[in-house]
Amino acid sequence: DGLSPGDTLELTVLRGAEERTVTARFET
């Protein structure tokens, strides 16, 4: 709710036992 089109969002993801960071981009 705090984002706008064009913003990006950093997500922390756990896949199995491995933690990684990915960036989601919101175009519209």
mmCIF file of all heavy atoms, coordinates in Angstrom:
data_MODEL
# 
_entry.id   MODEL 
# 
loop_
_atom_site.group_PDB 
_atom_site.id 
_atom_site.type_symbol 
_atom_site.label_atom_id 
_atom_site.label_alt_id 
_atom_site.label_comp_id 
_atom_site.label_asym_id 
_atom_site.label_entity_id 
_atom_site.label_seq_id 
_atom_site.pdbx_PDB_ins_code 
_atom_site.Cartn_x 
_atom_site.Cartn_y 
_atom_site.Cartn_z 
_atom_site.occupancy 
_atom_site.B_iso_or_equiv 
_atom_site.pdbx_formal_charge 
_atom_site.auth_seq_id 
_atom_site.auth_comp_id 
_atom_site.auth_asym_id 
_atom_site.auth_atom_id 
_atom_site.pdbx_PDB_model_num 
ATOM 1   N N   . ASP A 1 1  ? 0.817  -1.213  0.000   1.00 0.00 ? 1  ASP A N   1 
ATOM 2   C CA  . ASP A 1 1  ? 0.000  0.000   0.000   1.00 0.00 ? 1  ASP A CA  1 
ATOM 3   C C   . ASP A 1 1  ? 0.849  1.262   0.000   1.00 0.00 ? 1  ASP A C   1 
ATOM 4   O O   . ASP A 1 1  ? 0.373  2.342   -0.364  1.00 0.00 ? 1  ASP A O   1 
ATOM 5   C CB  . ASP A 1 1  ? -0.936 0.014   1.215   1.00 0.00 ? 1  ASP A CB  1 
ATOM 6   C CG  . ASP A 1 1  ? -2.086 -0.971  1.069   1.00 0.00 ? 1  ASP A CG  1 
ATOM 7   O OD1 . ASP A 1 1  ? -2.337 -1.426  -0.061  1.00 0.00 ? 1  ASP A OD1 1 
ATOM 8   O OD2 . ASP A 1 1  ? -2.725 -1.299  2.089   1.00 0.00 ? 1  ASP A OD2 1 
ATOM 9   N N   . GLY A 1 2  ? 2.097  1.148   0.425   1.00 0.00 ? 2  GLY A N   1 
ATOM 10  C CA  . GLY A 1 2  ? 2.969  2.312   0.463   1.00 0.00 ? 2  GLY A CA  1 
ATOM 11  C C   . GLY A 1 2  ? 3.758  2.517   -0.817  1.00 0.00 ? 2  GLY A C   1 
ATOM 12  O O   . GLY A 1 2  ? 4.569  3.447   -0.904  1.00 0.00 ? 2  GLY A O   1 
ATOM 13  N N   . LEU A 1 3  ? 3.523  1.684   -1.836  1.00 0.00 ? 3  LEU A N   1 
ATOM 14  C CA  . LEU A 1 3  ? 4.265  1.771   -3.090  1.00 0.00 ? 3  LEU A CA  1 
ATOM 15  C C   . LEU A 1 3  ? 3.443  2.426   -4.176  1.00 0.00 ? 3  LEU A C   1 
ATOM 16  O O   . LEU A 1 3  ? 2.213  2.481   -4.111  1.00 0.00 ? 3  LEU A O   1 
ATOM 17  C CB  . LEU A 1 3  ? 4.690  0.367   -3.543  1.00 0.00 ? 3  LEU A CB  1 
ATOM 18  C CG  . LEU A 1 3  ? 5.596  -0.424  -2.590  1.00 0.00 ? 3  LEU A CG  1 
ATOM 19  C CD1 . LEU A 1 3  ? 5.856  -1.810  -3.155  1.00 0.00 ? 3  LEU A CD1 1 
ATOM 20  C CD2 . LEU A 1 3  ? 6.907  0.310   -2.344  1.00 0.00 ? 3  LEU A CD2 1 
ATOM 21  N N   . SER A 1 4  ? 4.135  2.886   -5.212  1.00 0.00 ? 4  SER A N   1 
ATOM 22  C CA  . SER A 1 4  ? 3.501  3.490   -6.377  1.00 0.00 ? 4  SER A CA  1 
ATOM 23  C C   . SER A 1 4  ? 4.057  2.837   -7.634  1.00 0.00 ? 4  SER A C   1 
ATOM 24  O O   . SER A 1 4  ? 5.143  2.236   -7.609  1.00 0.00 ? 4  SER A O   1 
ATOM 25  C CB  . SER A 1 4  ? 3.776  5.003   -6.417  1.00 0.00 ? 4  SER A CB  1 
ATOM 26  O OG  . SER A 1 4  ? 3.284  5.638   -5.255  1.00 0.00 ? 4  SER A OG  1 
ATOM 27  N N   . PRO A 1 5  ? 3.323  2.945   -8.763  1.00 0.00 ? 5  PRO A N   1 
ATOM 28  C CA  . PRO A 1 5  ? 3.859  2.413   -10.022 1.00 0.00 ? 5  PRO A CA  1 
ATOM 29  C C   . PRO A 1 5  ? 5.239  2.990   -10.305 1.00 0.00 ? 5  PRO A C   1 
ATOM 30  O O   . PRO A 1 5  ? 5.474  4.183   -10.148 1.00 0.00 ? 5  PRO A O   1 
ATOM 31  C CB  . PRO A 1 5  ? 2.826  2.877   -11.054 1.00 0.00 ? 5  PRO A CB  1 
ATOM 32  C CG  . PRO A 1 5  ? 1.554  2.999   -10.281 1.00 0.00 ? 5  PRO A CG  1 
ATOM 33  C CD  . PRO A 1 5  ? 1.967  3.498   -8.925  1.00 0.00 ? 5  PRO A CD  1 
ATOM 34  N N   . GLY A 1 6  ? 6.155  2.119   -10.701 1.00 0.00 ? 6  GLY A N   1 
ATOM 35  C CA  . GLY A 1 6  ? 7.525  2.539   -10.950 1.00 0.00 ? 6  GLY A CA  1 
ATOM 36  C C   . GLY A 1 6  ? 8.463  2.244   -9.801  1.00 0.00 ? 6  GLY A C   1 
ATOM 37  O O   . GLY A 1 6  ? 9.686  2.282   -9.968  1.00 0.00 ? 6  GLY A O   1 
ATOM 38  N N   . ASP A 1 7  ? 7.905  1.965   -8.616  1.00 0.00 ? 7  ASP A N   1 
ATOM 39  C CA  . ASP A 1 7  ? 8.739  1.650   -7.459  1.00 0.00 ? 7  ASP A CA  1 
ATOM 40  C C   . ASP A 1 7  ? 9.285  0.227   -7.546  1.00 0.00 ? 7  ASP A C   1 
ATOM 41  O O   . ASP A 1 7  ? 8.800  -0.608  -8.323  1.00 0.00 ? 7  ASP A O   1 
ATOM 42  C CB  . ASP A 1 7  ? 7.940  1.793   -6.157  1.00 0.00 ? 7  ASP A CB  1 
ATOM 43  C CG  . ASP A 1 7  ? 7.680  3.239   -5.773  1.00 0.00 ? 7  ASP A CG  1 
ATOM 44  O OD1 . ASP A 1 7  ? 8.291  4.126   -6.402  1.00 0.00 ? 7  ASP A OD1 1 
ATOM 45  O OD2 . ASP A 1 7  ? 6.862  3.473   -4.874  1.00 0.00 ? 7  ASP A OD2 1 
ATOM 46  N N   . THR A 1 8  ? 10.273 -0.040  -6.722  1.00 0.00 ? 8  THR A N   1 
ATOM 47  C CA  . THR A 1 8  ? 10.813 -1.394  -6.581  1.00 0.00 ? 8  THR A CA  1 
ATOM 48  C C   . THR A 1 8  ? 10.634 -1.850  -5.140  1.00 0.00 ? 8  THR A C   1 
ATOM 49  O O   . THR A 1 8  ? 10.478 -1.028  -4.229  1.00 0.00 ? 8  THR A O   1 
ATOM 50  C CB  . THR A 1 8  ? 12.307 -1.453  -6.951  1.00 0.00 ? 8  THR A CB  1 
ATOM 51  O OG1 . THR A 1 8  ? 13.044 -0.579  -6.073  1.00 0.00 ? 8  THR A OG1 1 
ATOM 52  C CG2 . THR A 1 8  ? 12.525 -1.036  -8.394  1.00 0.00 ? 8  THR A CG2 1 
ATOM 53  N N   . LEU A 1 9  ? 10.639 -3.157  -4.945  1.00 0.00 ? 9  LEU A N   1 
ATOM 54  C CA  . LEU A 1 9  ? 10.460 -3.731  -3.608  1.00 0.00 ? 9  LEU A CA  1 
ATOM 55  C C   . LEU A 1 9  ? 11.479 -4.832  -3.395  1.00 0.00 ? 9  LEU A C   1 
ATOM 56  O O   . LEU A 1 9  ? 11.550 -5.786  -4.186  1.00 0.00 ? 9  LEU A O   1 
ATOM 57  C CB  . LEU A 1 9  ? 9.046  -4.290  -3.452  1.00 0.00 ? 9  LEU A CB  1 
ATOM 58  C CG  . LEU A 1 9  ? 8.745  -5.030  -2.142  1.00 0.00 ? 9  LEU A CG  1 
ATOM 59  C CD1 . LEU A 1 9  ? 8.884  -4.093  -0.955  1.00 0.00 ? 9  LEU A CD1 1 
ATOM 60  C CD2 . LEU A 1 9  ? 7.348  -5.636  -2.185  1.00 0.00 ? 9  LEU A CD2 1 
ATOM 61  N N   . GLU A 1 10 ? 12.263 -4.690  -2.342  1.00 0.00 ? 10 GLU A N   1 
ATOM 62  C CA  . GLU A 1 10 ? 13.251 -5.704  -1.998  1.00 0.00 ? 10 GLU A CA  1 
ATOM 63  C C   . GLU A 1 10 ? 12.592 -6.780  -1.148  1.00 0.00 ? 10 GLU A C   1 
ATOM 64  O O   . GLU A 1 10 ? 12.002 -6.494  -0.105  1.00 0.00 ? 10 GLU A O   1 
ATOM 65  C CB  . GLU A 1 10 ? 14.421 -5.069  -1.250  1.00 0.00 ? 10 GLU A CB  1 
ATOM 66  C CG  . GLU A 1 10 ? 15.594 -6.013  -1.041  1.00 0.00 ? 10 GLU A CG  1 
ATOM 67  C CD  . GLU A 1 10 ? 16.774 -5.314  -0.392  1.00 0.00 ? 10 GLU A CD  1 
ATOM 68  O OE1 . GLU A 1 10 ? 16.825 -5.288  0.849   1.00 0.00 ? 10 GLU A OE1 1 
ATOM 69  O OE2 . GLU A 1 10 ? 17.617 -4.756  -1.132  1.00 0.00 ? 10 GLU A OE2 1 
ATOM 70  N N   . LEU A 1 11 ? 12.703 -8.029  -1.603  1.00 0.00 ? 11 LEU A N   1 
ATOM 71  C CA  . LEU A 1 11 ? 12.106 -9.165  -0.914  1.00 0.00 ? 11 LEU A CA  1 
ATOM 72  C C   . LEU A 1 11 ? 13.199 -10.092 -0.405  1.00 0.00 ? 11 LEU A C   1 
ATOM 73  O O   . LEU A 1 11 ? 14.161 -10.390 -1.129  1.00 0.00 ? 11 LEU A O   1 
ATOM 74  C CB  . LEU A 1 11 ? 11.198 -9.955  -1.854  1.00 0.00 ? 11 LEU A CB  1 
ATOM 75  C CG  . LEU A 1 11 ? 9.973  -9.229  -2.413  1.00 0.00 ? 11 LEU A CG  1 
ATOM 76  C CD1 . LEU A 1 11 ? 9.350  -10.047 -3.542  1.00 0.00 ? 11 LEU A CD1 1 
ATOM 77  C CD2 . LEU A 1 11 ? 8.944  -8.991  -1.307  1.00 0.00 ? 11 LEU A CD2 1 
ATOM 78  N N   . THR A 1 12 ? 13.048 -10.519 0.827   1.00 0.00 ? 12 THR A N   1 
ATOM 79  C CA  . THR A 1 12 ? 13.936 -11.545 1.373   1.00 0.00 ? 12 THR A CA  1 
ATOM 80  C C   . THR A 1 12 ? 13.226 -12.874 1.260   1.00 0.00 ? 12 THR A C   1 
ATOM 81  O O   . THR A 1 12 ? 12.105 -13.055 1.778   1.00 0.00 ? 12 THR A O   1 
ATOM 82  C CB  . THR A 1 12 ? 14.286 -11.260 2.838   1.00 0.00 ? 12 THR A CB  1 
ATOM 83  O OG1 . THR A 1 12 ? 14.867 -9.957  2.937   1.00 0.00 ? 12 THR A OG1 1 
ATOM 84  C CG2 . THR A 1 12 ? 15.269 -12.295 3.374   1.00 0.00 ? 12 THR A CG2 1 
ATOM 85  N N   . VAL A 1 13 ? 13.874 -13.808 0.543   1.00 0.00 ? 13 VAL A N   1 
ATOM 86  C CA  . VAL A 1 13 ? 13.241 -15.085 0.197   1.00 0.00 ? 13 VAL A CA  1 
ATOM 87  C C   . VAL A 1 13 ? 14.078 -16.225 0.754   1.00 0.00 ? 13 VAL A C   1 
ATOM 88  O O   . VAL A 1 13 ? 15.313 -16.230 0.650   1.00 0.00 ? 13 VAL A O   1 
ATOM 89  C CB  . VAL A 1 13 ? 13.123 -15.221 -1.335  1.00 0.00 ? 13 VAL A CB  1 
ATOM 90  C CG1 . VAL A 1 13 ? 12.522 -16.569 -1.711  1.00 0.00 ? 13 VAL A CG1 1 
ATOM 91  C CG2 . VAL A 1 13 ? 12.283 -14.080 -1.904  1.00 0.00 ? 13 VAL A CG2 1 
ATOM 92  N N   . LEU A 1 14 ? 13.403 -17.199 1.332   1.00 0.00 ? 14 LEU A N   1 
ATOM 93  C CA  . LEU A 1 14 ? 14.061 -18.410 1.826   1.00 0.00 ? 14 LEU A CA  1 
ATOM 94  C C   . LEU A 1 14 ? 13.652 -19.555 0.915   1.00 0.00 ? 14 LEU A C   1 
ATOM 95  O O   . LEU A 1 14 ? 12.461 -19.882 0.804   1.00 0.00 ? 14 LEU A O   1 
ATOM 96  C CB  . LEU A 1 14 ? 13.638 -18.689 3.268   1.00 0.00 ? 14 LEU A CB  1 
ATOM 97  C CG  . LEU A 1 14 ? 14.506 -19.639 4.076   1.00 0.00 ? 14 LEU A CG  1 
ATOM 98  C CD1 . LEU A 1 14 ? 15.926 -19.094 4.213   1.00 0.00 ? 14 LEU A CD1 1 
ATOM 99  C CD2 . LEU A 1 14 ? 13.901 -19.868 5.454   1.00 0.00 ? 14 LEU A CD2 1 
ATOM 100 N N   . ARG A 1 15 ? 14.650 -20.145 0.250   1.00 0.00 ? 15 ARG A N   1 
ATOM 101 C CA  . ARG A 1 15 ? 14.400 -21.291 -0.623  1.00 0.00 ? 15 ARG A CA  1 
ATOM 102 C C   . ARG A 1 15 ? 15.123 -22.489 -0.033  1.00 0.00 ? 15 ARG A C   1 
ATOM 103 O O   . ARG A 1 15 ? 16.349 -22.584 -0.097  1.00 0.00 ? 15 ARG A O   1 
ATOM 104 C CB  . ARG A 1 15 ? 14.875 -21.009 -2.039  1.00 0.00 ? 15 ARG A CB  1 
ATOM 105 C CG  . ARG A 1 15 ? 14.581 -22.121 -3.048  1.00 0.00 ? 15 ARG A CG  1 
ATOM 106 C CD  . ARG A 1 15 ? 14.885 -21.646 -4.451  1.00 0.00 ? 15 ARG A CD  1 
ATOM 107 N NE  . ARG A 1 15 ? 14.043 -20.504 -4.818  1.00 0.00 ? 15 ARG A NE  1 
ATOM 108 C CZ  . ARG A 1 15 ? 14.279 -19.712 -5.870  1.00 0.00 ? 15 ARG A CZ  1 
ATOM 109 N NH1 . ARG A 1 15 ? 15.348 -19.939 -6.631  1.00 0.00 ? 15 ARG A NH1 1 
ATOM 110 N NH2 . ARG A 1 15 ? 13.474 -18.703 -6.140  1.00 0.00 ? 15 ARG A NH2 1 
ATOM 111 N N   . GLY A 1 16 ? 14.333 -23.353 0.601   1.00 0.00 ? 16 GLY A N   1 
ATOM 112 C CA  . GLY A 1 16 ? 14.946 -24.436 1.364   1.00 0.00 ? 16 GLY A CA  1 
ATOM 113 C C   . GLY A 1 16 ? 15.625 -23.847 2.585   1.00 0.00 ? 16 GLY A C   1 
ATOM 114 O O   . GLY A 1 16 ? 14.996 -23.212 3.420   1.00 0.00 ? 16 GLY A O   1 
ATOM 115 N N   . ALA A 1 17 ? 16.959 -23.999 2.679   1.00 0.00 ? 17 ALA A N   1 
ATOM 116 C CA  . ALA A 1 17 ? 17.714 -23.415 3.786   1.00 0.00 ? 17 ALA A CA  1 
ATOM 117 C C   . ALA A 1 17 ? 18.506 -22.193 3.346   1.00 0.00 ? 17 ALA A C   1 
ATOM 118 O O   . ALA A 1 17 ? 19.202 -21.578 4.155   1.00 0.00 ? 17 ALA A O   1 
ATOM 119 C CB  . ALA A 1 17 ? 18.662 -24.465 4.372   1.00 0.00 ? 17 ALA A CB  1 
ATOM 120 N N   . GLU A 1 18 ? 18.401 -21.849 2.063   1.00 0.00 ? 18 GLU A N   1 
ATOM 121 C CA  . GLU A 1 18 ? 19.186 -20.736 1.515   1.00 0.00 ? 18 GLU A CA  1 
ATOM 122 C C   . GLU A 1 18 ? 18.364 -19.447 1.498   1.00 0.00 ? 18 GLU A C   1 
ATOM 123 O O   . GLU A 1 18 ? 17.252 -19.408 0.979   1.00 0.00 ? 18 GLU A O   1 
ATOM 124 C CB  . GLU A 1 18 ? 19.631 -21.069 0.083   1.00 0.00 ? 18 GLU A CB  1 
ATOM 125 C CG  . GLU A 1 18 ? 20.429 -19.957 -0.574  1.00 0.00 ? 18 GLU A CG  1 
ATOM 126 C CD  . GLU A 1 18 ? 20.690 -20.232 -2.048  1.00 0.00 ? 18 GLU A CD  1 
ATOM 127 O OE1 . GLU A 1 18 ? 20.312 -21.326 -2.523  1.00 0.00 ? 18 GLU A OE1 1 
ATOM 128 O OE2 . GLU A 1 18 ? 21.256 -19.340 -2.714  1.00 0.00 ? 18 GLU A OE2 1 
ATOM 129 N N   . GLU A 1 19 ? 18.926 -18.397 2.055   1.00 0.00 ? 19 GLU A N   1 
ATOM 130 C CA  . GLU A 1 19 ? 18.260 -17.094 2.059   1.00 0.00 ? 19 GLU A CA  1 
ATOM 131 C C   . GLU A 1 19 ? 18.855 -16.223 0.968   1.00 0.00 ? 19 GLU A C   1 
ATOM 132 O O   . GLU A 1 19 ? 20.071 -16.178 0.783   1.00 0.00 ? 19 GLU A O   1 
ATOM 133 C CB  . GLU A 1 19 ? 18.423 -16.417 3.418   1.00 0.00 ? 19 GLU A CB  1 
ATOM 134 C CG  . GLU A 1 19 ? 17.672 -15.092 3.542   1.00 0.00 ? 19 GLU A CG  1 
ATOM 135 C CD  . GLU A 1 19 ? 17.731 -14.532 4.957   1.00 0.00 ? 19 GLU A CD  1 
ATOM 136 O OE1 . GLU A 1 19 ? 17.320 -15.238 5.897   1.00 0.00 ? 19 GLU A OE1 1 
ATOM 137 O OE2 . GLU A 1 19 ? 18.189 -13.379 5.099   1.00 0.00 ? 19 GLU A OE2 1 
ATOM 138 N N   . ARG A 1 20 ? 17.981 -15.533 0.231   1.00 0.00 ? 20 ARG A N   1 
ATOM 139 C CA  . ARG A 1 20 ? 18.446 -14.664 -0.842  1.00 0.00 ? 20 ARG A CA  1 
ATOM 140 C C   . ARG A 1 20 ? 17.581 -13.412 -0.885  1.00 0.00 ? 20 ARG A C   1 
ATOM 141 O O   . ARG A 1 20 ? 16.482 -13.379 -0.329  1.00 0.00 ? 20 ARG A O   1 
ATOM 142 C CB  . ARG A 1 20 ? 18.403 -15.391 -2.186  1.00 0.00 ? 20 ARG A CB  1 
ATOM 143 C CG  . ARG A 1 20 ? 17.005 -15.790 -2.610  1.00 0.00 ? 20 ARG A CG  1 
ATOM 144 C CD  . ARG A 1 20 ? 17.038 -16.563 -3.920  1.00 0.00 ? 20 ARG A CD  1 
ATOM 145 N NE  . ARG A 1 20 ? 17.706 -17.844 -3.771  1.00 0.00 ? 20 ARG A NE  1 
ATOM 146 C CZ  . ARG A 1 20 ? 18.015 -18.641 -4.784  1.00 0.00 ? 20 ARG A CZ  1 
ATOM 147 N NH1 . ARG A 1 20 ? 17.727 -18.259 -6.021  1.00 0.00 ? 20 ARG A NH1 1 
ATOM 148 N NH2 . ARG A 1 20 ? 18.609 -19.802 -4.583  1.00 0.00 ? 20 ARG A NH2 1 
ATOM 149 N N   . THR A 1 21 ? 18.084 -12.389 -1.568  1.00 0.00 ? 21 THR A N   1 
ATOM 150 C CA  . THR A 1 21 ? 17.338 -11.143 -1.731  1.00 0.00 ? 21 THR A CA  1 
ATOM 151 C C   . THR A 1 21 ? 17.074 -10.900 -3.205  1.00 0.00 ? 21 THR A C   1 
ATOM 152 O O   . THR A 1 21 ? 17.992 -11.010 -4.032  1.00 0.00 ? 21 THR A O   1 
ATOM 153 C CB  . THR A 1 21 ? 18.130 -9.952  -1.146  1.00 0.00 ? 21 THR A CB  1 
ATOM 154 O OG1 . THR A 1 21 ? 18.344 -10.162 0.250   1.00 0.00 ? 21 THR A OG1 1 
ATOM 155 C CG2 . THR A 1 21 ? 17.345 -8.656  -1.328  1.00 0.00 ? 21 THR A CG2 1 
ATOM 156 N N   . VAL A 1 22 ? 15.816 -10.590 -3.535  1.00 0.00 ? 22 VAL A N   1 
ATOM 157 C CA  . VAL A 1 22 ? 15.449 -10.299 -4.915  1.00 0.00 ? 22 VAL A CA  1 
ATOM 158 C C   . VAL A 1 22 ? 14.717 -8.960  -4.948  1.00 0.00 ? 22 VAL A C   1 
ATOM 159 O O   . VAL A 1 22 ? 14.226 -8.480  -3.920  1.00 0.00 ? 22 VAL A O   1 
ATOM 160 C CB  . VAL A 1 22 ? 14.556 -11.404 -5.527  1.00 0.00 ? 22 VAL A CB  1 
ATOM 161 C CG1 . VAL A 1 22 ? 15.280 -12.741 -5.511  1.00 0.00 ? 22 VAL A CG1 1 
ATOM 162 C CG2 . VAL A 1 22 ? 13.233 -11.510 -4.772  1.00 0.00 ? 22 VAL A CG2 1 
ATOM 163 N N   . THR A 1 23 ? 14.648 -8.360  -6.126  1.00 0.00 ? 23 THR A N   1 
ATOM 164 C CA  . THR A 1 23 ? 13.994 -7.060  -6.268  1.00 0.00 ? 23 THR A CA  1 
ATOM 165 C C   . THR A 1 23 ? 12.838 -7.162  -7.252  1.00 0.00 ? 23 THR A C   1 
ATOM 166 O O   . THR A 1 23 ? 13.026 -7.538  -8.418  1.00 0.00 ? 23 THR A O   1 
ATOM 167 C CB  . THR A 1 23 ? 14.989 -5.992  -6.763  1.00 0.00 ? 23 THR A CB  1 
ATOM 168 O OG1 . THR A 1 23 ? 16.067 -5.882  -5.817  1.00 0.00 ? 23 THR A OG1 1 
ATOM 169 C CG2 . THR A 1 23 ? 14.300 -4.640  -6.887  1.00 0.00 ? 23 THR A CG2 1 
ATOM 170 N N   . ALA A 1 24 ? 11.647 -6.838  -6.768  1.00 0.00 ? 24 ALA A N   1 
ATOM 171 C CA  . ALA A 1 24 ? 10.455 -6.823  -7.618  1.00 0.00 ? 24 ALA A CA  1 
ATOM 172 C C   . ALA A 1 24 ? 10.231 -5.400  -8.126  1.00 0.00 ? 24 ALA A C   1 
ATOM 173 O O   . ALA A 1 24 ? 10.358 -4.436  -7.372  1.00 0.00 ? 24 ALA A O   1 
ATOM 174 C CB  . ALA A 1 24 ? 9.239  -7.301  -6.834  1.00 0.00 ? 24 ALA A CB  1 
ATOM 175 N N   . ARG A 1 25 ? 9.889  -5.284  -9.402  1.00 0.00 ? 25 ARG A N   1 
ATOM 176 C CA  . ARG A 1 25 ? 9.655  -3.978  -10.020 1.00 0.00 ? 25 ARG A CA  1 
ATOM 177 C C   . ARG A 1 25 ? 8.190  -3.861  -10.446 1.00 0.00 ? 25 ARG A C   1 
ATOM 178 O O   . ARG A 1 25 ? 7.659  -4.766  -11.077 1.00 0.00 ? 25 ARG A O   1 
ATOM 179 C CB  . ARG A 1 25 ? 10.580 -3.790  -11.226 1.00 0.00 ? 25 ARG A CB  1 
ATOM 180 C CG  . ARG A 1 25 ? 12.037 -3.638  -10.815 1.00 0.00 ? 25 ARG A CG  1 
ATOM 181 C CD  . ARG A 1 25 ? 12.965 -3.551  -12.025 1.00 0.00 ? 25 ARG A CD  1 
ATOM 182 N NE  . ARG A 1 25 ? 14.304 -3.161  -11.600 1.00 0.00 ? 25 ARG A NE  1 
ATOM 183 C CZ  . ARG A 1 25 ? 15.189 -3.998  -11.083 1.00 0.00 ? 25 ARG A CZ  1 
ATOM 184 N NH1 . ARG A 1 25 ? 14.863 -5.268  -10.921 1.00 0.00 ? 25 ARG A NH1 1 
ATOM 185 N NH2 . ARG A 1 25 ? 16.387 -3.577  -10.708 1.00 0.00 ? 25 ARG A NH2 1 
ATOM 186 N N   . PHE A 1 26 ? 7.580  -2.731  -10.108 1.00 0.00 ? 26 PHE A N   1 
ATOM 187 C CA  . PHE A 1 26 ? 6.173  -2.499  -10.403 1.00 0.00 ? 26 PHE A CA  1 
ATOM 188 C C   . PHE A 1 26 ? 6.083  -1.438  -11.487 1.00 0.00 ? 26 PHE A C   1 
ATOM 189 O O   . PHE A 1 26 ? 6.271  -0.245  -11.235 1.00 0.00 ? 26 PHE A O   1 
ATOM 190 C CB  . PHE A 1 26 ? 5.432  -2.038  -9.147  1.00 0.00 ? 26 PHE A CB  1 
ATOM 191 C CG  . PHE A 1 26 ? 5.469  -3.047  -8.037  1.00 0.00 ? 26 PHE A CG  1 
ATOM 192 C CD1 . PHE A 1 26 ? 6.484  -3.023  -7.087  1.00 0.00 ? 26 PHE A CD1 1 
ATOM 193 C CD2 . PHE A 1 26 ? 4.504  -4.037  -7.946  1.00 0.00 ? 26 PHE A CD2 1 
ATOM 194 C CE1 . PHE A 1 26 ? 6.533  -3.949  -6.066  1.00 0.00 ? 26 PHE A CE1 1 
ATOM 195 C CE2 . PHE A 1 26 ? 4.549  -4.966  -6.939  1.00 0.00 ? 26 PHE A CE2 1 
ATOM 196 C CZ  . PHE A 1 26 ? 5.569  -4.935  -5.991  1.00 0.00 ? 26 PHE A CZ  1 
ATOM 197 N N   . GLU A 1 27 ? 5.760  -1.884  -12.683 1.00 0.00 ? 27 GLU A N   1 
ATOM 198 C CA  . GLU A 1 27 ? 5.704  -0.958  -13.802 1.00 0.00 ? 27 GLU A CA  1 
ATOM 199 C C   . GLU A 1 27 ? 4.386  -0.204  -13.841 1.00 0.00 ? 27 GLU A C   1 
ATOM 200 O O   . GLU A 1 27 ? 4.348  0.999   -14.085 1.00 0.00 ? 27 GLU A O   1 
ATOM 201 C CB  . GLU A 1 27 ? 5.915  -1.706  -15.127 1.00 0.00 ? 27 GLU A CB  1 
ATOM 202 C CG  . GLU A 1 27 ? 7.296  -2.333  -15.226 1.00 0.00 ? 27 GLU A CG  1 
ATOM 203 C CD  . GLU A 1 27 ? 7.500  -3.030  -16.548 1.00 0.00 ? 27 GLU A CD  1 
ATOM 204 O OE1 . GLU A 1 27 ? 6.543  -3.025  -17.354 1.00 0.00 ? 27 GLU A OE1 1 
ATOM 205 O OE2 . GLU A 1 27 ? 8.589  -3.582  -16.774 1.00 0.00 ? 27 GLU A OE2 1 
ATOM 206 N N   . THR A 1 28 ? 3.286  -0.898  -13.596 1.00 0.00 ? 28 THR A N   1 
ATOM 207 C CA  . THR A 1 28 ? 1.965  -0.272  -13.628 1.00 0.00 ? 28 THR A CA  1 
ATOM 208 C C   . THR A 1 28 ? 1.115  -0.826  -12.531 1.00 0.00 ? 28 THR A C   1 
ATOM 209 O O   . THR A 1 28 ? 1.355  -1.911  -12.022 1.00 0.00 ? 28 THR A O   1 
ATOM 210 C CB  . THR A 1 28 ? 1.254  -0.525  -14.976 1.00 0.00 ? 28 THR A CB  1 
ATOM 211 O OG1 . THR A 1 28 ? 1.073  -1.940  -15.155 1.00 0.00 ? 28 THR A OG1 1 
ATOM 212 C CG2 . THR A 1 28 ? 2.038  0.059   -16.124 1.00 0.00 ? 28 THR A CG2 1 
# 
